[in-house]
């Protein structure tokens, strides 16, 4: 069943990463099998000054972190709430620990000001471990990167 807008906003609010290290603006779609979220890389992000002066591009590790925050952390919070049959806000300080990146491939550069869409499909959730097949694309549909990421869901 698709999560409504209020639940999606609640999940985003529970993501433990905060500015300047939060890379999730919204969850567009969320259910027990799939997640779709978005983030716009602002022109004043802290990492652009050094990556690279005069030609800023979003670092690959930040792209992976963006996929992890949307596809493992936020998705994991939602799935943990579903598993415990509670609303996300009723979890005790939910935390999802990133544990694996596999077969990540980069296909395009993300420039300051660009918005990316992250789409994830659950591969499995067992023993608190979530593995997700993720793809990041630009608003025009161009694939930026893809791969499989995993994390361990715990309550704080």
Protein backbone atom coordinates (compact mmCIF):
# COMPACT_ATOMS: atom_id res chain seq x y z
CA UNK A 1 0.00 0.00 0.00
CA UNK A 2 1.32 3.44 -0.96
CA UNK A 3 2.29 5.73 1.94
CA UNK A 4 0.41 9.03 1.95
CA UNK A 5 2.12 12.44 1.88
CA UNK A 6 2.00 12.85 5.67
CA UNK A 7 3.77 9.52 6.26
CA UNK A 8 6.38 10.32 3.59
CA UNK A 9 7.09 13.70 5.25
CA UNK A 10 7.27 12.01 8.66
CA UNK A 11 9.86 9.53 7.35
CA UNK A 12 11.99 12.35 5.87
CA UNK A 13 11.85 14.20 9.20
CA UNK A 14 13.18 11.06 10.95
CA UNK A 15 16.25 10.68 8.71
CA UNK A 16 19.08 11.21 11.22
CA UNK A 17 21.48 12.95 8.83
CA UNK A 18 21.14 16.71 9.10
CA UNK A 19 22.50 19.75 7.23
CA UNK A 20 25.04 20.06 5.85
CA UNK A 21 24.98 16.29 5.30
CA UNK A 22 21.33 15.66 4.44
CA UNK A 23 20.73 14.80 0.80
CA UNK A 24 17.00 14.15 0.69
CA UNK A 25 14.35 16.79 -0.02
CA UNK A 26 11.30 14.60 -0.45
CA UNK A 27 9.95 11.12 -0.87
CA UNK A 28 7.81 11.08 -4.00
CA UNK A 29 6.58 7.50 -3.66
CA UNK A 30 6.93 4.94 -0.87
CA UNK A 31 5.55 1.46 -0.28
CA UNK A 32 6.82 -1.85 1.07
CA UNK A 33 8.52 -2.75 -2.22
CA UNK A 34 9.80 0.53 -3.68
CA UNK A 35 10.94 4.05 -2.85
CA UNK A 36 11.33 7.14 -5.02
CA UNK A 37 12.92 10.28 -3.61
CA UNK A 38 14.54 13.49 -4.79
CA UNK A 39 17.26 15.95 -3.91
CA UNK A 40 18.40 19.21 -5.51
CA UNK A 41 22.12 19.88 -5.14
CA UNK A 42 22.31 23.51 -4.11
CA UNK A 43 25.01 25.69 -5.62
CA UNK A 44 26.41 26.50 -2.16
CA UNK A 45 26.93 22.88 -1.01
CA UNK A 46 30.04 22.69 1.20
CA UNK A 47 31.94 20.26 -1.06
CA UNK A 48 31.81 22.27 -4.31
CA UNK A 49 34.53 24.73 -3.19
CA UNK A 50 37.12 21.96 -3.31
CA UNK A 51 35.60 19.57 -5.90
CA UNK A 52 36.71 21.20 -8.20
CA UNK A 53 37.62 24.91 -7.98
CA UNK A 54 36.33 26.61 -11.11
CA UNK A 55 34.48 23.46 -12.30
CA UNK A 56 32.35 22.16 -9.43
CA UNK A 57 30.86 18.68 -9.81
CA UNK A 58 29.15 16.51 -7.23
CA UNK A 59 31.54 13.89 -5.80
CA UNK A 60 30.69 10.23 -6.41
CA UNK A 61 30.72 9.51 -2.68
CA UNK A 62 28.03 12.18 -2.21
CA UNK A 63 25.95 10.58 -4.96
CA UNK A 64 26.24 7.22 -3.17
CA UNK A 65 25.32 8.93 0.13
CA UNK A 66 22.24 10.45 -1.55
CA UNK A 67 21.15 7.02 -2.78
CA UNK A 68 21.81 5.59 0.69
CA UNK A 69 19.81 8.28 2.52
CA UNK A 70 16.80 7.83 0.24
CA UNK A 71 17.04 4.13 -0.60
CA UNK A 72 18.39 2.64 2.62
CA UNK A 73 17.90 5.09 5.51
CA UNK A 74 14.47 6.60 4.70
CA UNK A 75 13.19 3.38 3.10
CA UNK A 76 14.54 1.41 6.08
CA UNK A 77 12.76 3.66 8.58
CA UNK A 78 9.49 3.13 6.73
CA UNK A 79 9.98 -0.64 6.50
CA UNK A 80 10.96 -0.87 10.18
CA UNK A 81 7.74 0.95 11.10
CA UNK A 82 5.71 -1.38 8.85
CA UNK A 83 7.43 -4.43 10.34
CA UNK A 84 6.60 -3.23 13.88
CA UNK A 85 3.08 -2.19 12.85
CA UNK A 86 3.57 1.38 14.12
CA UNK A 87 3.72 4.84 12.60
CA UNK A 88 7.26 5.97 11.79
CA UNK A 89 7.11 8.64 14.54
CA UNK A 90 6.50 5.89 17.12
CA UNK A 91 9.92 4.32 16.49
CA UNK A 92 12.50 5.12 19.15
CA UNK A 93 15.06 7.29 17.35
CA UNK A 94 15.25 5.11 14.24
CA UNK A 95 18.70 4.68 12.79
CA UNK A 96 19.83 2.90 9.67
CA UNK A 97 23.50 2.10 9.40
CA UNK A 98 24.90 1.93 5.86
CA UNK A 99 26.78 -1.34 5.45
CA UNK A 100 27.45 -2.12 1.78
CA UNK A 101 27.79 -0.68 -1.73
CA UNK A 102 28.04 -3.19 -4.56
CA UNK A 103 28.35 -2.83 -8.33
CA UNK A 104 28.01 0.96 -8.25
CA UNK A 105 28.49 2.46 -11.70
CA UNK A 106 28.64 6.14 -12.62
CA UNK A 107 27.32 7.31 -15.97
CA UNK A 108 26.93 11.09 -15.72
CA UNK A 109 28.08 14.19 -13.84
CA UNK A 110 25.75 16.08 -11.49
CA UNK A 111 26.35 19.82 -11.53
CA UNK A 112 25.40 22.37 -8.86
CA UNK A 113 21.70 23.22 -9.07
CA UNK A 114 20.63 19.91 -10.59
CA UNK A 115 17.84 17.79 -9.11
CA UNK A 116 18.20 14.03 -9.02
CA UNK A 117 15.56 11.33 -8.61
CA UNK A 118 16.50 8.13 -6.78
CA UNK A 119 14.47 4.98 -7.45
CA UNK A 120 14.91 1.91 -5.30
CA UNK A 121 13.49 -1.61 -5.28
CA UNK A 122 13.80 -3.79 -2.22
CA UNK A 123 15.88 -6.89 -2.85
CA UNK A 124 15.37 -8.23 0.66
CA UNK A 125 14.73 -7.29 4.26
CA UNK A 126 15.78 -9.98 6.70
CA UNK A 127 17.19 -9.96 10.22
CA UNK A 128 17.19 -6.17 10.18
CA UNK A 129 19.32 -6.04 7.00
CA UNK A 130 17.88 -4.14 4.03
CA UNK A 131 19.35 -4.51 0.54
CA UNK A 132 18.08 -2.28 -2.25
CA UNK A 133 18.70 -2.01 -6.00
CA UNK A 134 19.02 1.73 -6.68
CA UNK A 135 19.21 4.01 -9.68
CA UNK A 136 19.76 7.78 -9.70
CA UNK A 137 18.68 9.85 -12.67
CA UNK A 138 18.45 13.49 -13.63
CA UNK A 139 15.07 15.11 -14.19
CA UNK A 140 15.46 14.51 -17.94
CA UNK A 141 15.78 10.74 -17.32
CA UNK A 142 19.55 10.53 -17.87
CA UNK A 143 21.00 7.82 -15.63
CA UNK A 144 23.61 9.23 -13.22
CA UNK A 145 24.55 6.10 -11.27
CA UNK A 146 23.20 2.78 -10.09
CA UNK A 147 24.09 -0.04 -7.76
CA UNK A 148 23.06 -2.16 -4.82
CA UNK A 149 23.27 -0.71 -1.32
CA UNK A 150 22.54 -2.26 2.05
CA UNK A 151 22.05 -1.11 5.61
CA UNK A 152 21.15 -2.40 9.02
CA UNK A 153 18.03 -0.99 10.66
CA UNK A 154 18.09 -0.44 14.41
CA UNK A 155 16.03 1.51 16.90
CA UNK A 156 17.97 4.00 19.02
